[in-house]
Amino acid sequence: VRLLPDKNYIGFSLTQGNVYRIKEWPLHKVIKLSEELIRNNKIPVFLIEKKHLELKNDIKNLIPSALFPEHETSLDSPTLVTCIGARLDLAITIDNGIMHMLSLSKVPIISLFGPTSANKFAPRYKKSKVLDSKKIYNSKNVSDITVEDVLQASKQLLNFYNH
């Protein structure tokens, strides 16, 4: 709770463990989405391991209000990620290990799928929404999912007004 003491947090998990299938959503789309969420009084929270310091710094330069809770603690475990998930209003993630850890907290979650199978790997509970480029765009490229696609899904899960 000390790492995320307030409300209105939107979590992002962008990095992939499996290097053999490209399934990362482009950073410029993440930045654009974050800016839109900030306009709606949301605080972007990035779940990025300490080893990805350059990525963290790039994001921090582009989104000064972004938080990086894993970089503020000596704790480093799946339990930490699951606890952080419980503090989020929404998580937006690619298909990765963090997605599974976040789903344990039953946080409202939007999972972005491209080359991997959403039927096989997506979390299944009421507030879980899957955006699969194969179904939406007939493409295995997760990058085809647009910022607007994710914003629409966010609005459905959060019921926030877009001005």
C-alpha atoms as a PDB file:
ATOM      1  CA  VAL A   1       0.000   0.000   0.000  1.00  0.00           C
ATOM      2  CA  ARG A   2       2.892   2.371   0.692  1.00  0.00           C
ATOM      3  CA  LEU A   3       4.099   2.021  -2.911  1.00  0.00           C
ATOM      4  CA  LEU A   4       0.676   3.056  -4.252  1.00  0.00           C
ATOM      5  CA  PRO A   5      -1.065   4.994  -1.455  1.00  0.00           C
ATOM      6  CA  ASP A   6      -3.756   6.762  -3.542  1.00  0.00           C
ATOM      7  CA  LYS A   7      -6.392   5.746  -6.101  1.00  0.00           C
ATOM      8  CA  ASN A   8      -6.873   5.974  -9.884  1.00  0.00           C
ATOM      9  CA  TYR A   9      -3.904   3.813 -10.858  1.00  0.00           C
ATOM     10  CA  ILE A  10      -3.709   2.135 -14.265  1.00  0.00           C
ATOM     11  CA  GLY A  11      -1.013  -0.532 -14.488  1.00  0.00           C
ATOM     12  CA  PHE A  12       0.993  -1.378 -17.595  1.00  0.00           C
ATOM     13  CA  SER A  13       3.099  -4.446 -18.308  1.00  0.00           C
ATOM     14  CA  LEU A  14       4.986  -4.173 -21.587  1.00  0.00           C
ATOM     15  CA  THR A  15       7.978  -6.461 -21.522  1.00  0.00           C
ATOM     16  CA  GLN A  16       8.006 -10.023 -22.728  1.00  0.00           C
ATOM     17  CA  GLY A  17       9.900 -12.942 -21.310  1.00  0.00           C
ATOM     18  CA  ASN A  18       9.788 -15.029 -24.487  1.00  0.00           C
ATOM     19  CA  VAL A  19      12.107 -13.448 -27.057  1.00  0.00           C
ATOM     20  CA  TYR A  20      11.060 -15.800 -29.869  1.00  0.00           C
ATOM     21  CA  ARG A  21       7.654 -14.274 -30.570  1.00  0.00           C
ATOM     22  CA  ILE A  22       7.316 -10.535 -30.893  1.00  0.00           C
ATOM     23  CA  LYS A  23       4.331  -9.637 -28.762  1.00  0.00           C
ATOM     24  CA  GLU A  24       5.188  -6.224 -27.369  1.00  0.00           C
ATOM     25  CA  TRP A  25       2.830  -3.306 -27.949  1.00  0.00           C
ATOM     26  CA  PRO A  26       4.769  -0.298 -29.352  1.00  0.00           C
ATOM     27  CA  LEU A  27       5.997   2.233 -26.796  1.00  0.00           C
ATOM     28  CA  HIS A  28       4.604   5.210 -28.748  1.00  0.00           C
ATOM     29  CA  LYS A  29       1.112   3.707 -28.374  1.00  0.00           C
ATOM     30  CA  VAL A  30       1.655   3.156 -24.650  1.00  0.00           C
ATOM     31  CA  ILE A  31       2.729   6.806 -24.281  1.00  0.00           C
ATOM     32  CA  LYS A  32      -0.285   8.079 -26.242  1.00  0.00           C
ATOM     33  CA  LEU A  33      -2.655   5.899 -24.194  1.00  0.00           C
ATOM     34  CA  SER A  34      -1.018   7.059 -20.935  1.00  0.00           C
ATOM     35  CA  GLU A  35      -1.452  10.710 -21.919  1.00  0.00           C
ATOM     36  CA  GLU A  36      -5.150  10.092 -22.589  1.00  0.00           C
ATOM     37  CA  LEU A  37      -5.578   8.307 -19.248  1.00  0.00           C
ATOM     38  CA  ILE A  38      -3.773  11.150 -17.423  1.00  0.00           C
ATOM     39  CA  ARG A  39      -6.292  13.569 -18.965  1.00  0.00           C
ATOM     40  CA  ASN A  40      -8.947  11.408 -17.264  1.00  0.00           C
ATOM     41  CA  ASN A  41      -7.184  11.755 -13.870  1.00  0.00           C
ATOM     42  CA  LYS A  42      -5.562   8.323 -13.991  1.00  0.00           C
ATOM     43  CA  ILE A  43      -1.978   7.665 -12.855  1.00  0.00           C
ATOM     44  CA  PRO A  44       0.094   5.318 -15.056  1.00  0.00           C
ATOM     45  CA  VAL A  45       1.935   2.627 -13.094  1.00  0.00           C
ATOM     46  CA  PHE A  46       4.543   0.617 -14.981  1.00  0.00           C
ATOM     47  CA  LEU A  47       5.426  -2.896 -13.889  1.00  0.00           C
ATOM     48  CA  ILE A  48       8.958  -3.056 -15.216  1.00  0.00           C
ATOM     49  CA  GLU A  49      11.716  -5.152 -13.691  1.00  0.00           C
ATOM     50  CA  LYS A  50      14.767  -3.330 -12.340  1.00  0.00           C
ATOM     51  CA  LYS A  51      16.902  -4.828 -15.132  1.00  0.00           C
ATOM     52  CA  HIS A  52      14.962  -2.718 -17.687  1.00  0.00           C
ATOM     53  CA  LEU A  53      16.319   0.589 -16.330  1.00  0.00           C
ATOM     54  CA  GLU A  54      16.744   2.182 -19.753  1.00  0.00           C
ATOM     55  CA  LEU A  55      13.089   1.525 -20.651  1.00  0.00           C
ATOM     56  CA  LYS A  56      12.018   2.903 -17.255  1.00  0.00           C
ATOM     57  CA  ASN A  57      14.057   6.074 -17.834  1.00  0.00           C
ATOM     58  CA  ASP A  58      12.691   6.509 -21.370  1.00  0.00           C
ATOM     59  CA  ILE A  59       9.116   6.281 -20.076  1.00  0.00           C
ATOM     60  CA  LYS A  60       9.813   8.561 -17.104  1.00  0.00           C
ATOM     61  CA  ASN A  61      11.190  11.221 -19.469  1.00  0.00           C
ATOM     62  CA  LEU A  62       8.059  11.041 -21.635  1.00  0.00           C
ATOM     63  CA  ILE A  63       5.546  10.638 -18.779  1.00  0.00           C
ATOM     64  CA  PRO A  64       6.914  12.448 -15.699  1.00  0.00           C
ATOM     65  CA  SER A  65       3.899  11.480 -13.544  1.00  0.00           C
ATOM     66  CA  ALA A  66       4.392   7.732 -14.174  1.00  0.00           C
ATOM     67  CA  LEU A  67       5.163   5.484 -11.214  1.00  0.00           C
ATOM     68  CA  PHE A  68       7.490   2.458 -11.130  1.00  0.00           C
ATOM     69  CA  PRO A  69       6.766   0.650  -7.854  1.00  0.00           C
ATOM     70  CA  GLU A  70       9.219  -2.214  -8.439  1.00  0.00           C
ATOM     71  CA  HIS A  71      12.040   0.345  -8.597  1.00  0.00           C
ATOM     72  CA  GLU A  72      11.015   1.822  -5.209  1.00  0.00           C
ATOM     73  CA  THR A  73      11.426  -1.324  -3.126  1.00  0.00           C
ATOM     74  CA  SER A  74      13.949  -4.049  -2.433  1.00  0.00           C
ATOM     75  CA  LEU A  75      11.135  -6.618  -2.721  1.00  0.00           C
ATOM     76  CA  ASP A  76      11.231  -8.610  -5.919  1.00  0.00           C
ATOM     77  CA  SER A  77       8.694 -11.391  -6.289  1.00  0.00           C
ATOM     78  CA  PRO A  78       5.466 -12.467  -7.972  1.00  0.00           C
ATOM     79  CA  THR A  79       3.741 -11.693  -4.662  1.00  0.00           C
ATOM     80  CA  LEU A  80       4.735  -8.022  -4.998  1.00  0.00           C
ATOM     81  CA  VAL A  81       3.192  -7.832  -8.486  1.00  0.00           C
ATOM     82  CA  THR A  82      -0.018  -9.506  -7.294  1.00  0.00           C
ATOM     83  CA  CYS A  83      -0.251  -7.066  -4.356  1.00  0.00           C
ATOM     84  CA  ILE A  84       0.330  -4.118  -6.703  1.00  0.00           C
ATOM     85  CA  GLY A  85      -2.457  -5.508  -8.893  1.00  0.00           C
ATOM     86  CA  ALA A  86      -4.851  -5.224  -5.969  1.00  0.00           C
ATOM     87  CA  ARG A  87      -4.142  -1.453  -5.821  1.00  0.00           C
ATOM     88  CA  LEU A  88      -4.870  -0.824  -9.520  1.00  0.00           C
ATOM     89  CA  ASP A  89      -8.185   0.267 -11.035  1.00  0.00           C
ATOM     90  CA  LEU A  90      -7.154  -1.453 -14.268  1.00  0.00           C
ATOM     91  CA  ALA A  91      -4.189  -3.320 -15.731  1.00  0.00           C
ATOM     92  CA  ILE A  92      -3.205  -3.268 -19.406  1.00  0.00           C
ATOM     93  CA  THR A  93      -0.767  -5.980 -20.348  1.00  0.00           C
ATOM     94  CA  ILE A  94       0.654  -8.053 -23.144  1.00  0.00           C
ATOM     95  CA  ASP A  95       0.583 -11.847 -22.865  1.00  0.00           C
ATOM     96  CA  ASN A  96       3.404 -12.385 -20.352  1.00  0.00           C
ATOM     97  CA  GLY A  97       4.103 -13.704 -16.861  1.00  0.00           C
ATOM     98  CA  ILE A  98       3.060 -10.420 -15.237  1.00  0.00           C
ATOM     99  CA  MET A  99      -0.393 -10.822 -16.812  1.00  0.00           C
ATOM    100  CA  HIS A 100      -0.824 -14.101 -14.920  1.00  0.00           C
ATOM    101  CA  MET A 101       0.432 -12.592 -11.632  1.00  0.00           C
ATOM    102  CA  LEU A 102      -1.928  -9.606 -12.001  1.00  0.00           C
ATOM    103  CA  SER A 103      -4.866 -11.890 -12.774  1.00  0.00           C
ATOM    104  CA  LEU A 104      -4.420 -13.509  -9.341  1.00  0.00           C
ATOM    105  CA  SER A 105      -5.510 -10.203  -7.796  1.00  0.00           C
ATOM    106  CA  LYS A 106      -8.641 -10.236 -10.036  1.00  0.00           C
ATOM    107  CA  VAL A 107      -7.887  -6.637 -11.092  1.00  0.00           C
ATOM    108  CA  PRO A 108      -9.906  -5.476 -14.106  1.00  0.00           C
ATOM    109  CA  ILE A 109      -7.491  -6.368 -16.915  1.00  0.00           C
ATOM    110  CA  ILE A 110      -7.083  -5.812 -20.644  1.00  0.00           C
ATOM    111  CA  SER A 111      -4.785  -8.387 -22.239  1.00  0.00           C
ATOM    112  CA  LEU A 112      -3.282  -7.677 -25.652  1.00  0.00           C
ATOM    113  CA  PHE A 113      -2.705 -10.755 -27.798  1.00  0.00           C
ATOM    114  CA  GLY A 114      -1.014 -11.142 -31.172  1.00  0.00           C
ATOM    115  CA  PRO A 115       0.951 -14.271 -32.047  1.00  0.00           C
ATOM    116  CA  THR A 116      -0.087 -16.287 -28.977  1.00  0.00           C
ATOM    117  CA  SER A 117      -3.425 -17.946 -28.258  1.00  0.00           C
ATOM    118  CA  ALA A 118      -5.847 -15.905 -26.160  1.00  0.00           C
ATOM    119  CA  ASN A 119      -8.049 -19.012 -25.796  1.00  0.00           C
ATOM    120  CA  LYS A 120      -5.143 -20.833 -24.195  1.00  0.00           C
ATOM    121  CA  PHE A 121      -3.471 -18.087 -22.112  1.00  0.00           C
ATOM    122  CA  ALA A 122      -5.896 -15.214 -21.364  1.00  0.00           C
ATOM    123  CA  PRO A 123      -7.175 -14.744 -17.815  1.00  0.00           C
ATOM    124  CA  ARG A 124     -10.803 -15.794 -17.445  1.00  0.00           C
ATOM    125  CA  TYR A 125     -12.917 -13.829 -15.000  1.00  0.00           C
ATOM    126  CA  LYS A 126     -15.649 -11.214 -15.137  1.00  0.00           C
ATOM    127  CA  LYS A 127     -13.507  -8.061 -15.450  1.00  0.00           C
ATOM    128  CA  SER A 128     -11.016  -9.552 -17.920  1.00  0.00           C
ATOM    129  CA  LYS A 129     -11.109  -8.240 -21.492  1.00  0.00           C
ATOM    130  CA  VAL A 130      -9.028  -9.643 -24.346  1.00  0.00           C
ATOM    131  CA  LEU A 131      -7.983  -7.640 -27.397  1.00  0.00           C
ATOM    132  CA  ASP A 132      -6.664 -10.135 -29.938  1.00  0.00           C
ATOM    133  CA  SER A 133      -5.206  -8.790 -33.186  1.00  0.00           C
ATOM    134  CA  LYS A 134      -6.035 -12.142 -34.839  1.00  0.00           C
ATOM    135  CA  LYS A 135      -9.757 -11.608 -34.154  1.00  0.00           C
ATOM    136  CA  ILE A 136      -9.882  -7.818 -34.659  1.00  0.00           C
ATOM    137  CA  TYR A 137      -7.482  -7.372 -37.603  1.00  0.00           C
ATOM    138  CA  ASN A 138      -6.865 -10.901 -38.897  1.00  0.00           C
ATOM    139  CA  SER A 139      -3.196 -10.392 -38.030  1.00  0.00           C
ATOM    140  CA  LYS A 140      -0.720 -11.986 -35.632  1.00  0.00           C
ATOM    141  CA  ASN A 141       0.873  -8.574 -35.052  1.00  0.00           C
ATOM    142  CA  VAL A 142      -0.161  -7.221 -31.641  1.00  0.00           C
ATOM    143  CA  SER A 143       1.001  -3.760 -32.843  1.00  0.00           C
ATOM    144  CA  ASP A 144      -2.114  -3.619 -35.058  1.00  0.00           C
ATOM    145  CA  ILE A 145      -4.218  -3.079 -31.917  1.00  0.00           C
ATOM    146  CA  THR A 146      -4.851   0.667 -31.736  1.00  0.00           C
ATOM    147  CA  VAL A 147      -4.785   3.109 -28.826  1.00  0.00           C
ATOM    148  CA  GLU A 148      -8.495   3.680 -29.506  1.00  0.00           C
ATOM    149  CA  ASP A 149      -9.188  -0.082 -29.188  1.00  0.00           C
ATOM    150  CA  VAL A 150      -7.575  -0.089 -25.730  1.00  0.00           C
ATOM    151  CA  LEU A 151      -9.275   3.169 -24.697  1.00  0.00           C
ATOM    152  CA  GLN A 152     -12.695   1.778 -25.636  1.00  0.00           C
ATOM    153  CA  ALA A 153     -12.019  -1.388 -23.620  1.00  0.00           C
ATOM    154  CA  SER A 154     -10.811   0.765 -20.687  1.00  0.00           C
ATOM    155  CA  LYS A 155     -14.000   2.807 -20.747  1.00  0.00           C
ATOM    156  CA  GLN A 156     -16.089  -0.375 -20.704  1.00  0.00           C
ATOM    157  CA  LEU A 157     -14.251  -1.703 -17.649  1.00  0.00           C
ATOM    158  CA  LEU A 158     -13.937   1.605 -15.773  1.00  0.00           C
ATOM    159  CA  ASN A 159     -16.964   3.598 -16.934  1.00  0.00           C
ATOM    160  CA  PHE A 160     -14.968   6.814 -17.117  1.00  0.00           C
ATOM    161  CA  TYR A 161     -16.024   9.828 -19.083  1.00  0.00           C
ATOM    162  CA  ASN A 162     -13.776  10.992 -21.926  1.00  0.00           C
ATOM    163  CA  HIS A 163     -13.806  14.763 -22.362  1.00  0.00           C
END
